[in-house]
Amino acid sequence: MIKLRLDKVTFSYPSKSVLREASCAINDGCYGVIGPNGSGKTTLLKLLLGKEKPDSGFIHREKGLNIAYMPQEIDLDPNELAFDSVKQGAREVLALERKLSHIETLFAKPEYYANDKRLAQLIDQQAHALDTYNQLGGPGLDGRIRALLTSIGFQPYEINLPVSKLSGGQKKLVGLARIIISRPDVLLLDEPDNHLDLDSKTLLQKLIEDFPGSVLIVSHDRYFLDMVVDEIVEVDNGQITQFKGSYSEYIFEKKRQLEKQAQTFQTQQKEITRLEQAAKRLLMWGKVYDNAKFYKRGKNILNRIERMDKIDKPELEKDRIEIQLGGWRGSQKVLEINSLNKSFSDSQGTHHVLRNIDLLLRYGDRIGMIGANGVGKSLLIRLILGDIKAENGTVYIGPSVKTGYYAQEFETLDPKLTLLETICKGGNFSENRGVAFLKKFLFTYEQRDMCVDDLSGGERARLQIALITLSGANFLLLDEPTNHLDIPSCEVLEDALLDFDGTIFAVSHDRYFLDRIANQIVELHGNGTQDYSGNYSDYEQQKRISEKR
C-alpha cells in the first residue's frame, strides 16, 4: 500500500519554479533523493511533510501516518544532556506523563473524591491515558533511549554528557535518535550524513537499516546511497523520476534511458525532416500547377507533424561545471614528512593532536587521508602549507612543486570581494574574460557582483575549485572537496582529478570519491598513520582481513 503520493504537483517560490506536474509514490523501504543543488529536494520533503502546500495537484498521505523530519541543520539545546535531548522527541509519551501526573493531583481534591460521578469519569480518563501510554511504550522509554544511543556508538558516560560536549557527528546522531524514538512510520532526512566521519556514517547506516518504516534520504554521498537505498528518487528540471535499485544501478539505467532517448530522438528528427521536405514539395507543386489536391496533401503532412508527440532532445551534459586542472610533472619527491608532532596548550593542560607523523608522496601519488573528526587531518594540511609550525619534525616540499589548496571552510576566499573581483584577481583577467570564466562554473552574469560572503556553500565550493584551476598547481591539497558539491559536480571534479598531471593529497569522508581518485589510503589516528595500498574499497577489505587475524 502506498504511504505517500504526489499527484501532478506544481510548486513555485516567488522567484523560481521548482516542480511542474510532478508525481511520485512512496511505499515501504528506503529511498534516496538526489538532484542538482537547487532542484527542489528539500522542497519535496517539506511538501510530503505538509510544511509546504502545492500550487496545484494533490498530496495523498495514508490515514494516521506519523511522519518525522530532520532538517540539514538541527537545533539542539547545548545545555541539555544527550539522553534528555533524545527523550524530548517522545512528545506523545511525555504529554501523557504530564496528563497522568495531573490526574493524580485531581484524585486528592474533594470535588473529585467526594463526587462519585466525577470520580468515575476521572478513573476512566486515567485508564484510557494509561492504556495509550503503554501502547506507545512509555514504561520502557528510558531503556529504549539508552539502547538506541548505545547502538549508534555512544559510551555510557557520553549518554549523560551535555550536547555542547558532543562532536558534530554525535550531535547529528542525537538529532536522528530524537525523531526515531517517537516511533514514526516515515523518516524524512535532509542530508543526515553531511560532515559525518566514516565511523559515524557506518552507525547512521545501521540506524537506517534497522528502522522498520519508510525512509527518504536527501544525500550527495553516493557510497552511502549504494549501501542503504532500495530506490532512487531523482528531482531535476521540475520533474520527479523514480528508479529501482541503488545509486550505481540508477546510473546504469539513467545512461541506458538517455542513450535510448537520443536514438529515438534522432530517428524522429529524420522522419520529421523527411515529412517536411515532402510537404514543401507538395505545397510548391500546388502553387506552381495551381493544384488544390497537392496543396491539401502538403498541409495535411504539416498538420501531422504538428500533432506528433515530440521527443525531447536528451541533455547528457547539461548544467555541469567545466574543470580543467592541467598540472605538470615537477619534482619526483613531492612531499616528505618525518617525525612530525603538534600539540596545543590551554588552561586544562597540553593536548597532543599529531604524533610521530611520517609521510612520503612521489609524483603521481593520489593519497586519500581518512580518520575520525578531530584527529588532526585539516591541521596536517596547514602544517604542510606552512601556515602553522610544529614542535618538532620536518616538512619537505620538492623544489619544482606548486601547491593548490582547497580549504574545507573556504578560508582561501576573501568574503569582502565580489565573484568577479575574486576570479579576475586569481586569473589576471579582464572583466569580460572573468564573466566568461565564471560561466564555466555555473555562475550567471547577474551574480558577478555578488559578495563571496553572500554565496551558498555550494557556490563557494565551485568558486574555490575555479581558483585552483587558475593556480597552475601540480600538487593539490584538498580538504573535504566534495562536501558542498552536488553529485554531477562531484563527478566532473573526479574526472578532472583523474586527468590531472600531478600529485593529490585529499582529506575526505566521501568513500565514493576515494574509490575513484585514490591509489593509496592513509589512516590518521592518535599514534600516527597507517598506509593501505589501493582505494577505499581496497582499504576496507584489508582492514577486514587484518581484524580476522
Protein backbone atom coordinates (compact mmCIF):
# COMPACT_ATOMS: atom_id res chain seq x y z
CA MET A 1 0.00 0.00 0.00
CA ILE A 2 1.32 3.46 -0.95
CA LYS A 3 2.02 5.62 2.12
CA LEU A 4 2.71 8.93 0.38
CA ARG A 5 1.98 10.11 -3.15
CA LEU A 6 2.47 13.29 -5.13
CA ASP A 7 -0.03 13.53 -7.99
CA LYS A 8 0.81 16.11 -10.70
CA VAL A 9 2.09 18.61 -8.14
CA THR A 10 3.22 22.07 -9.22
CA PHE A 11 5.10 24.26 -6.75
CA SER A 12 6.87 27.60 -7.11
CA TYR A 13 8.61 30.12 -4.92
CA PRO A 14 8.07 33.81 -5.81
CA SER A 15 11.33 33.89 -7.79
CA LYS A 16 11.60 30.31 -9.00
CA SER A 17 9.54 27.41 -10.36
CA VAL A 18 10.51 24.17 -8.59
CA LEU A 19 8.09 21.39 -9.60
CA ARG A 20 5.83 21.17 -12.67
CA GLU A 21 3.10 18.50 -12.58
CA ALA A 22 5.49 16.15 -10.78
CA SER A 23 4.41 12.78 -9.41
CA CYS A 24 5.97 10.08 -7.20
CA ALA A 25 4.89 7.29 -4.86
CA ILE A 26 6.49 6.22 -1.56
CA ASN A 27 5.88 2.81 -0.05
CA ASP A 28 7.91 0.69 2.39
CA GLY A 29 11.68 0.78 2.01
CA CYS A 30 14.50 3.31 1.79
CA TYR A 31 14.50 6.00 -0.92
CA GLY A 32 17.50 8.14 -1.89
CA VAL A 33 16.53 11.64 -3.10
CA ILE A 34 19.09 13.10 -5.49
CA GLY A 35 19.37 16.03 -7.88
CA PRO A 36 21.44 19.17 -8.57
CA ASN A 37 21.66 21.87 -5.92
CA GLY A 38 18.51 23.98 -6.04
CA SER A 39 16.46 21.38 -7.92
CA GLY A 40 13.88 21.02 -5.13
CA LYS A 41 14.97 18.05 -2.99
CA THR A 42 14.33 19.79 0.35
CA THR A 43 11.10 21.24 -1.06
CA LEU A 44 9.92 17.70 -1.88
CA LEU A 45 10.43 16.64 1.75
CA LYS A 46 8.56 19.70 3.02
CA LEU A 47 5.66 19.00 0.65
CA LEU A 48 5.43 15.39 1.84
CA LEU A 49 5.56 16.58 5.45
CA GLY A 50 2.90 19.25 4.87
CA LYS A 51 5.15 22.23 5.72
CA GLU A 52 4.65 23.49 2.14
CA LYS A 53 1.43 23.47 0.12
CA PRO A 54 1.36 22.76 -3.64
CA ASP A 55 0.17 25.42 -6.10
CA SER A 56 -1.77 22.68 -7.87
CA GLY A 57 -2.05 18.90 -7.80
CA PHE A 58 -2.59 16.62 -4.82
CA ILE A 59 -0.57 15.08 -1.98
CA HIS A 60 -2.02 11.88 -0.56
CA ARG A 61 -0.99 10.56 2.85
CA GLU A 62 -2.06 7.30 4.40
CA LYS A 63 -4.56 7.94 7.20
CA GLY A 64 -2.93 8.26 10.62
CA LEU A 65 0.59 8.32 9.14
CA ASN A 66 3.24 9.56 11.60
CA ILE A 67 5.95 11.43 9.66
CA ALA A 68 9.20 12.68 11.25
CA TYR A 69 11.54 15.20 9.60
CA MET A 70 15.19 16.04 10.29
CA PRO A 71 16.44 19.20 8.52
CA GLN A 72 20.03 19.77 7.39
CA GLU A 73 20.76 21.99 10.39
CA ILE A 74 19.46 20.52 13.66
CA ASP A 75 18.67 22.77 16.62
CA LEU A 76 19.59 21.14 19.93
CA ASP A 77 19.81 22.77 23.37
CA PRO A 78 23.57 22.79 24.11
CA ASN A 79 22.96 22.60 27.86
CA GLU A 80 20.67 19.57 27.65
CA LEU A 81 22.07 16.08 28.28
CA ALA A 82 22.22 13.78 25.27
CA PHE A 83 19.76 11.40 26.98
CA ASP A 84 17.26 14.20 27.76
CA SER A 85 17.61 15.65 24.25
CA VAL A 86 16.58 12.32 22.71
CA LYS A 87 13.76 11.95 25.23
CA GLN A 88 12.26 15.25 24.09
CA GLY A 89 11.44 13.51 20.80
CA ALA A 90 8.89 11.25 22.52
CA ARG A 91 6.39 14.11 22.68
CA GLU A 92 3.24 11.99 22.96
CA VAL A 93 4.67 9.89 25.79
CA LEU A 94 5.86 12.97 27.68
CA ALA A 95 2.47 14.64 27.21
CA LEU A 96 0.76 11.55 28.60
CA GLU A 97 3.14 11.52 31.59
CA ARG A 98 2.14 15.11 32.34
CA LYS A 99 -1.54 14.23 31.92
CA LEU A 100 -1.27 11.24 34.27
CA SER A 101 0.57 13.34 36.83
CA HIS A 102 -2.17 15.96 36.63
CA ILE A 103 -4.86 13.30 37.08
CA GLU A 104 -3.05 12.06 40.20
CA THR A 105 -3.32 15.53 41.73
CA LEU A 106 -7.05 15.67 40.96
CA PHE A 107 -7.72 12.50 42.96
CA ALA A 108 -6.71 14.39 46.11
CA LYS A 109 -9.26 17.18 45.56
CA PRO A 110 -12.64 16.98 47.42
CA GLU A 111 -14.62 17.95 44.33
CA TYR A 112 -13.48 14.65 42.79
CA TYR A 113 -13.11 12.09 45.62
CA ALA A 114 -16.39 13.27 47.22
CA ASN A 115 -18.33 13.12 43.94
CA ASP A 116 -18.93 9.55 42.67
CA LYS A 117 -19.80 10.61 39.13
CA ARG A 118 -16.78 12.88 38.69
CA LEU A 119 -14.54 10.29 40.36
CA ALA A 120 -15.73 7.58 37.92
CA GLN A 121 -15.03 9.92 34.96
CA LEU A 122 -11.55 10.64 36.34
CA ILE A 123 -10.82 6.91 36.74
CA ASP A 124 -11.93 6.34 33.12
CA GLN A 125 -9.61 9.16 31.93
CA GLN A 126 -6.73 7.67 33.86
CA ALA A 127 -7.37 4.17 32.49
CA HIS A 128 -7.55 5.47 28.91
CA ALA A 129 -4.37 7.54 29.31
CA LEU A 130 -2.52 4.58 30.89
CA ASP A 131 -3.64 2.29 28.06
CA THR A 132 -2.36 4.75 25.43
CA TYR A 133 0.84 5.30 27.44
CA ASN A 134 1.51 1.55 27.47
CA GLN A 135 0.75 1.22 23.74
CA LEU A 136 3.30 3.95 22.97
CA GLY A 137 5.96 2.17 25.02
CA GLY A 138 6.04 4.70 27.83
CA PRO A 139 7.11 2.32 30.64
CA GLY A 140 10.23 1.25 28.72
CA LEU A 141 11.10 4.62 27.21
CA ASP A 142 14.26 5.29 29.24
CA GLY A 143 15.62 1.84 28.46
CA ARG A 144 14.89 2.23 24.73
CA ILE A 145 16.71 5.57 24.66
CA ARG A 146 19.82 4.09 26.28
CA ALA A 147 19.72 1.06 23.97
CA LEU A 148 19.31 3.30 20.91
CA LEU A 149 22.19 5.59 21.84
CA THR A 150 24.41 2.60 22.67
CA SER A 151 23.60 1.03 19.28
CA ILE A 152 24.89 4.15 17.49
CA GLY A 153 28.20 4.22 19.30
CA PHE A 154 27.62 6.23 22.50
CA GLN A 155 29.60 5.14 25.51
CA PRO A 156 27.65 5.02 28.83
CA TYR A 157 29.29 8.21 30.10
CA GLU A 158 28.57 10.04 26.80
CA ILE A 159 24.83 9.42 27.14
CA ASN A 160 24.80 11.82 30.10
CA LEU A 161 27.08 14.46 28.58
CA PRO A 162 25.70 17.91 27.66
CA VAL A 163 25.08 18.32 23.93
CA SER A 164 27.74 21.06 23.88
CA LYS A 165 30.38 18.43 24.76
CA LEU A 166 29.47 16.14 21.85
CA SER A 167 31.21 16.05 18.46
CA GLY A 168 29.42 17.31 15.36
CA GLY A 169 28.75 13.74 14.25
CA GLN A 170 27.35 12.79 17.64
CA LYS A 171 25.01 15.78 17.56
CA LYS A 172 23.68 14.61 14.18
CA LEU A 173 23.11 11.11 15.58
CA VAL A 174 21.35 12.54 18.66
CA GLY A 175 19.10 14.55 16.33
CA LEU A 176 18.23 11.41 14.39
CA ALA A 177 17.68 9.34 17.56
CA ARG A 178 15.39 12.12 18.80
CA ILE A 179 12.96 11.66 15.92
CA ILE A 180 13.27 7.85 15.77
CA ILE A 181 12.33 7.48 19.46
CA SER A 182 8.84 8.79 18.64
CA ARG A 183 8.28 5.63 16.52
CA PRO A 184 7.34 7.36 13.26
CA ASP A 185 6.10 5.48 10.20
CA VAL A 186 8.17 7.60 7.80
CA LEU A 187 11.53 9.35 8.21
CA LEU A 188 12.36 12.35 6.03
CA LEU A 189 16.10 13.06 6.37
CA ASP A 190 17.76 16.05 4.70
CA GLU A 191 21.48 15.28 4.29
CA PRO A 192 21.85 13.43 7.61
CA ASP A 193 25.32 12.20 6.58
CA ASN A 194 26.78 15.65 5.89
CA HIS A 195 30.03 16.32 7.81
CA LEU A 196 29.97 12.90 9.49
CA ASP A 197 33.22 10.96 9.72
CA LEU A 198 33.38 7.41 8.37
CA ASP A 199 32.63 5.72 11.71
CA SER A 200 29.57 7.94 12.22
CA LYS A 201 28.36 7.20 8.67
CA THR A 202 28.58 3.48 9.44
CA LEU A 203 26.48 4.00 12.58
CA LEU A 204 23.97 6.12 10.63
CA GLN A 205 23.74 3.35 8.05
CA LYS A 206 22.95 0.80 10.77
CA LEU A 207 20.30 3.08 12.28
CA ILE A 208 18.54 3.41 8.91
CA GLU A 209 18.83 -0.30 8.10
CA ASP A 210 17.22 -1.18 11.46
CA PHE A 211 14.36 1.31 11.03
CA PRO A 212 11.11 -0.62 10.35
CA GLY A 213 9.28 2.06 8.36
CA SER A 214 9.87 4.09 5.20
CA VAL A 215 12.86 6.41 4.82
CA LEU A 216 13.52 9.24 2.36
CA ILE A 217 17.11 10.50 2.44
CA VAL A 218 18.43 13.54 0.60
CA SER A 219 22.13 12.82 0.17
CA HIS A 220 25.12 13.56 -2.07
CA ASP A 221 27.07 10.58 -0.68
CA ARG A 222 26.92 8.03 -3.50
CA TYR A 223 28.64 5.28 -1.49
CA PHE A 224 26.09 5.74 1.29
CA LEU A 225 23.25 5.63 -1.27
CA ASP A 226 24.65 2.40 -2.68
CA MET A 227 24.68 0.84 0.79
CA VAL A 228 21.23 1.77 2.13
CA VAL A 229 18.65 2.68 -0.52
CA ASP A 230 16.20 0.46 -2.39
CA GLU A 231 15.11 3.14 -4.86
CA ILE A 232 16.37 6.45 -6.23
CA VAL A 233 14.07 9.48 -6.48
CA GLU A 234 15.59 11.97 -8.94
CA VAL A 235 14.43 15.60 -8.72
CA ASP A 236 15.55 17.59 -11.76
CA ASN A 237 14.21 20.18 -14.17
CA GLY A 238 10.84 20.37 -12.38
CA GLN A 239 10.17 16.63 -12.65
CA ILE A 240 10.48 13.61 -10.32
CA THR A 241 11.63 10.27 -11.73
CA GLN A 242 11.94 7.03 -9.75
CA PHE A 243 14.50 4.29 -10.41
CA LYS A 244 14.57 0.88 -8.72
CA GLY A 245 17.82 -0.11 -7.03
CA SER A 246 20.90 1.59 -5.62
CA TYR A 247 22.75 4.66 -6.91
CA SER A 248 25.06 2.60 -9.14
CA GLU A 249 22.04 0.82 -10.65
CA TYR A 250 20.40 4.23 -11.18
CA ILE A 251 23.49 5.50 -13.06
CA PHE A 252 23.42 2.47 -15.36
CA GLU A 253 19.67 2.73 -16.02
CA LYS A 254 19.79 6.54 -16.46
CA LYS A 255 22.54 6.24 -19.06
CA ARG A 256 20.64 3.48 -20.85
CA GLN A 257 17.47 5.58 -20.94
CA LEU A 258 19.32 8.65 -22.23
CA GLU A 259 21.01 6.64 -24.96
CA LYS A 260 17.65 5.15 -25.95
CA GLN A 261 16.05 8.61 -25.91
CA ALA A 262 18.89 10.02 -28.04
CA GLN A 263 18.43 7.22 -30.59
CA THR A 264 14.65 7.66 -30.68
CA PHE A 265 15.05 11.46 -30.91
CA GLN A 266 17.37 11.15 -33.92
CA THR A 267 15.02 8.68 -35.63
CA GLN A 268 12.07 11.03 -35.10
CA GLN A 269 14.06 14.06 -36.32
CA LYS A 270 14.94 12.20 -39.54
CA GLU A 271 11.25 11.34 -40.03
CA ILE A 272 10.21 14.97 -39.37
CA THR A 273 12.84 16.22 -41.87
CA ARG A 274 11.61 13.72 -44.49
CA LEU A 275 7.96 14.76 -43.96
CA GLU A 276 8.84 18.49 -44.03
CA GLN A 277 10.65 18.03 -47.35
CA ALA A 278 7.68 16.11 -48.76
CA ALA A 279 5.25 18.82 -47.55
CA LYS A 280 7.46 21.55 -49.03
CA ARG A 281 7.45 19.81 -52.44
CA LEU A 282 3.67 19.29 -52.42
CA LEU A 283 2.99 22.89 -51.40
CA MET A 284 5.32 24.12 -54.14
CA TRP A 285 3.68 21.88 -56.75
CA GLY A 286 0.24 23.03 -55.60
CA LYS A 287 1.29 26.64 -56.11
CA VAL A 288 3.15 26.11 -59.42
CA TYR A 289 0.47 23.91 -61.01
CA ASP A 290 -2.45 25.56 -59.22
CA ASN A 291 -3.40 22.10 -57.94
CA ALA A 292 -5.56 22.15 -54.77
CA LYS A 293 -5.02 18.42 -54.26
CA PHE A 294 -1.21 18.82 -53.92
CA TYR A 295 -1.66 21.84 -51.67
CA LYS A 296 -4.12 20.00 -49.40
CA ARG A 297 -1.81 16.95 -49.09
CA GLY A 298 1.11 19.23 -48.16
CA LYS A 299 -0.98 20.96 -45.44
CA ASN A 300 -2.12 17.56 -44.11
CA ILE A 301 1.53 16.48 -43.71
CA LEU A 302 2.35 19.71 -41.81
CA ASN A 303 -0.67 19.13 -39.54
CA ARG A 304 0.54 15.57 -38.95
CA ILE A 305 3.95 16.91 -37.88
CA GLU A 306 2.23 19.44 -35.59
CA ARG A 307 0.18 16.69 -33.89
CA MET A 308 3.19 14.40 -33.44
CA ASP A 309 4.22 13.64 -29.85
CA LYS A 310 7.66 15.21 -29.94
CA ILE A 311 10.55 13.51 -28.15
CA ASP A 312 12.75 15.90 -26.18
CA LYS A 313 16.43 16.05 -27.05
CA PRO A 314 18.34 14.41 -24.17
CA GLU A 315 20.69 16.77 -22.36
CA LEU A 316 23.57 14.45 -21.47
CA GLU A 317 25.88 17.13 -20.06
CA LYS A 318 23.54 19.91 -19.00
CA ASP A 319 24.35 22.28 -16.14
CA ARG A 320 27.77 20.80 -15.40
CA ILE A 321 30.80 22.75 -14.34
CA GLU A 322 33.86 22.69 -16.61
CA ILE A 323 37.09 21.81 -14.77
CA GLN A 324 40.48 21.64 -16.46
CA LEU A 325 43.23 21.19 -13.89
CA GLY A 326 46.17 20.56 -16.20
CA GLY A 327 49.15 20.12 -13.89
CA TRP A 328 52.76 19.23 -14.73
CA ARG A 329 55.40 16.78 -13.58
CA GLY A 330 57.82 18.77 -11.37
CA SER A 331 59.92 17.10 -8.67
CA GLN A 332 59.88 13.32 -8.28
CA LYS A 333 59.74 13.67 -4.49
CA VAL A 334 56.75 15.94 -3.85
CA LEU A 335 56.36 15.80 -0.05
CA GLU A 336 58.27 14.19 2.79
CA ILE A 337 57.25 14.44 6.47
CA ASN A 338 59.41 12.98 9.22
CA SER A 339 58.62 12.57 12.95
CA LEU A 340 56.12 15.45 12.96
CA ASN A 341 54.41 16.33 16.27
CA LYS A 342 51.89 19.05 17.09
CA SER A 343 50.13 19.86 20.36
CA PHE A 344 48.13 22.72 21.85
CA SER A 345 48.06 24.03 25.41
CA ASP A 346 45.21 25.64 27.31
CA SER A 347 44.07 26.03 30.92
CA GLN A 348 43.35 22.29 31.09
CA GLY A 349 46.85 21.27 30.02
CA THR A 350 48.62 20.13 26.85
CA HIS A 351 46.67 18.28 24.14
CA HIS A 352 48.71 16.17 21.72
CA VAL A 353 46.96 16.16 18.34
CA LEU A 354 49.51 14.81 15.87
CA ARG A 355 52.18 12.32 16.96
CA ASN A 356 55.03 10.76 15.00
CA ILE A 357 53.72 11.60 11.55
CA ASP A 358 55.78 10.13 8.69
CA LEU A 359 54.60 10.56 5.12
CA LEU A 360 56.18 10.34 1.65
CA LEU A 361 54.49 11.41 -1.57
CA ARG A 362 56.05 10.99 -5.00
CA TYR A 363 54.92 12.36 -8.35
CA GLY A 364 51.63 10.78 -9.44
CA ASP A 365 50.55 9.64 -5.97
CA ARG A 366 46.88 10.10 -5.17
CA ILE A 367 46.57 9.91 -1.40
CA GLY A 368 43.21 9.74 0.35
CA MET A 369 43.52 10.57 4.04
CA ILE A 370 40.82 9.32 6.41
CA GLY A 371 40.33 9.45 10.18
CA ALA A 372 37.82 10.42 12.85
CA ASN A 373 36.68 14.03 13.18
CA GLY A 374 39.09 15.98 15.38
CA VAL A 375 42.06 13.66 14.83
CA GLY A 376 44.03 16.41 13.04
CA LYS A 377 43.60 15.90 9.28
CA SER A 378 42.98 19.58 8.45
CA LEU A 379 45.71 20.56 10.90
CA LEU A 380 48.19 18.38 8.99
CA ILE A 381 47.37 20.20 5.74
CA ARG A 382 48.01 23.57 7.40
CA LEU A 383 51.38 22.26 8.65
CA ILE A 384 52.25 21.15 5.11
CA LEU A 385 51.32 24.61 3.79
CA GLY A 386 53.44 26.25 6.49
CA ASP A 387 50.52 28.20 7.96
CA ILE A 388 51.44 26.90 11.41
CA LYS A 389 54.60 25.38 12.87
CA ALA A 390 55.14 22.00 14.55
CA GLU A 391 57.02 21.48 17.82
CA ASN A 392 59.41 19.13 16.06
CA GLY A 393 59.80 17.11 12.91
CA THR A 394 60.33 18.23 9.31
CA VAL A 395 58.15 19.01 6.30
CA TYR A 396 59.94 18.94 2.94
CA ILE A 397 58.28 20.04 -0.33
CA GLY A 398 60.10 19.43 -3.62
CA PRO A 399 61.71 22.46 -5.34
CA SER A 400 59.58 22.12 -8.50
CA VAL A 401 56.29 21.80 -6.64
CA LYS A 402 53.49 24.37 -6.67
CA THR A 403 50.60 23.76 -4.28
CA GLY A 404 46.91 24.34 -4.85
CA TYR A 405 44.74 24.33 -1.71
CA TYR A 406 41.02 23.64 -1.30
CA ALA A 407 40.02 24.70 2.23
CA GLN A 408 37.10 22.94 3.91
CA GLU A 409 35.85 26.20 5.48
CA PHE A 410 36.73 28.33 2.40
CA GLU A 411 39.49 30.26 4.19
CA THR A 412 41.19 30.86 0.82
CA LEU A 413 38.33 33.14 -0.28
CA ASP A 414 38.12 36.83 0.64
CA PRO A 415 34.50 37.29 1.83
CA LYS A 416 34.55 41.04 1.03
CA LEU A 417 35.39 40.63 -2.67
CA THR A 418 32.79 40.07 -5.36
CA LEU A 419 32.72 36.98 -7.55
CA LEU A 420 34.14 38.92 -10.49
CA GLU A 421 36.86 40.60 -8.41
CA THR A 422 37.88 37.21 -6.99
CA ILE A 423 38.20 35.49 -10.36
CA CYS A 424 39.84 38.45 -12.15
CA LYS A 425 42.41 38.67 -9.35
CA GLY A 426 43.04 34.91 -9.44
CA GLY A 427 43.47 34.72 -13.21
CA ASN A 428 44.61 38.27 -14.03
CA PHE A 429 41.53 38.50 -16.26
CA SER A 430 39.71 41.38 -17.89
CA GLU A 431 36.08 41.83 -16.83
CA ASN A 432 34.70 40.17 -19.97
CA ARG A 433 37.05 37.22 -19.69
CA GLY A 434 36.25 36.90 -15.98
CA VAL A 435 32.50 36.74 -16.67
CA ALA A 436 33.05 34.09 -19.37
CA PHE A 437 35.21 32.03 -17.00
CA LEU A 438 32.63 32.21 -14.20
CA LYS A 439 30.01 30.85 -16.59
CA LYS A 440 32.02 27.61 -16.85
CA PHE A 441 31.37 27.15 -13.13
CA LEU A 442 27.60 27.78 -13.45
CA PHE A 443 27.64 31.41 -12.25
CA THR A 444 25.27 33.72 -14.11
CA TYR A 445 26.06 37.18 -15.42
CA GLU A 446 23.76 38.64 -12.75
CA GLN A 447 25.84 37.01 -9.97
CA ARG A 448 29.12 38.66 -10.96
CA ASP A 449 28.75 41.49 -8.41
CA MET A 450 27.66 39.26 -5.50
CA CYS A 451 29.98 39.27 -2.49
CA VAL A 452 31.65 35.97 -1.66
CA ASP A 453 30.13 36.29 1.82
CA ASP A 454 26.63 36.05 0.29
CA LEU A 455 27.28 32.83 -1.65
CA SER A 456 25.92 29.45 -0.61
CA GLY A 457 28.25 26.63 0.44
CA GLY A 458 27.94 25.00 -2.98
CA GLU A 459 28.69 28.27 -4.77
CA ARG A 460 31.78 28.91 -2.63
CA ALA A 461 32.95 25.37 -3.36
CA ARG A 462 32.67 25.96 -7.12
CA LEU A 463 34.47 29.30 -6.81
CA GLN A 464 37.31 27.74 -4.83
CA ILE A 465 37.70 24.99 -7.46
CA ALA A 466 37.73 27.67 -10.16
CA LEU A 467 40.65 29.39 -8.41
CA ILE A 468 42.55 26.10 -8.16
CA THR A 469 42.24 25.64 -11.93
CA LEU A 470 43.88 29.07 -12.32
CA SER A 471 46.68 28.36 -9.83
CA GLY A 472 48.88 26.30 -12.16
CA ALA A 473 49.48 23.88 -9.29
CA ASN A 474 50.98 20.42 -9.71
CA PHE A 475 50.33 19.36 -6.07
CA LEU A 476 46.74 19.58 -4.86
CA LEU A 477 45.89 19.67 -1.14
CA LEU A 478 42.14 19.08 -0.91
CA ASP A 479 40.29 19.26 2.41
CA GLU A 480 36.81 17.70 2.00
CA PRO A 481 36.38 18.96 -1.60
CA THR A 482 33.01 17.23 -2.20
CA ASN A 483 31.24 18.39 1.00
CA HIS A 484 29.15 21.14 -0.62
CA LEU A 485 29.00 19.86 -4.21
CA ASP A 486 26.01 18.17 -5.82
CA ILE A 487 26.55 14.77 -7.42
CA PRO A 488 27.02 16.00 -11.03
CA SER A 489 29.71 18.46 -9.85
CA CYS A 490 31.42 15.72 -7.81
CA GLU A 491 31.62 13.54 -10.90
CA VAL A 492 33.12 16.34 -13.02
CA LEU A 493 35.69 17.07 -10.29
CA GLU A 494 36.63 13.38 -10.09
CA ASP A 495 37.06 13.16 -13.86
CA ALA A 496 39.29 16.26 -13.79
CA LEU A 497 41.39 14.82 -10.95
CA LEU A 498 41.84 11.54 -12.84
CA ASP A 499 43.19 13.55 -15.81
CA PHE A 500 45.37 15.76 -13.58
CA ASP A 501 49.11 15.51 -14.32
CA GLY A 502 50.40 15.89 -10.79
CA THR A 503 50.06 14.68 -7.20
CA ILE A 504 46.97 14.73 -4.96
CA PHE A 505 46.60 14.69 -1.18
CA ALA A 506 42.88 14.63 -0.35
CA VAL A 507 41.25 14.54 3.08
CA SER A 508 37.77 13.14 2.62
CA HIS A 509 34.90 11.20 4.20
CA ASP A 510 33.41 10.66 0.72
CA ARG A 511 34.02 6.97 0.13
CA TYR A 512 32.80 7.02 -3.48
CA PHE A 513 35.20 9.89 -4.21
CA LEU A 514 38.07 7.96 -2.57
CA ASP A 515 37.20 4.85 -4.58
CA ARG A 516 37.53 6.83 -7.80
CA ILE A 517 40.59 9.00 -7.24
CA ALA A 518 42.82 7.37 -4.57
CA ASN A 519 45.63 4.88 -5.22
CA GLN A 520 46.62 4.88 -1.55
CA ILE A 521 44.68 5.38 1.69
CA VAL A 522 46.40 6.87 4.73
CA GLU A 523 44.50 6.43 8.01
CA LEU A 524 45.36 9.07 10.62
CA HIS A 525 44.92 8.13 14.28
CA GLY A 526 46.19 9.17 17.69
CA ASN A 527 49.57 7.46 17.34
CA GLY A 528 50.50 8.31 13.77
CA THR A 529 49.43 6.95 10.39
CA GLN A 530 48.78 3.61 8.72
CA ASP A 531 49.14 3.19 4.94
CA TYR A 532 46.97 0.97 2.73
CA SER A 533 47.52 0.45 -0.99
CA GLY A 534 44.58 0.95 -3.34
CA ASN A 535 41.32 2.87 -2.98
CA TYR A 536 38.77 2.96 -0.17
CA SER A 537 37.18 -0.41 -1.02
CA ASP A 538 40.67 -1.98 -1.01
CA TYR A 539 41.27 -0.37 2.40
CA GLU A 540 38.06 -1.85 3.81
CA GLN A 541 38.97 -5.31 2.54
CA GLN A 542 42.48 -5.10 4.05
CA LYS A 543 41.00 -3.92 7.38
CA ARG A 544 38.56 -6.85 7.49
CA ILE A 545 41.34 -9.35 6.79
CA SER A 546 43.51 -7.73 9.48
CA GLU A 547 40.71 -7.83 12.08
CA LYS A 548 40.11 -11.56 11.49
CA ARG A 549 43.72 -12.42 12.32
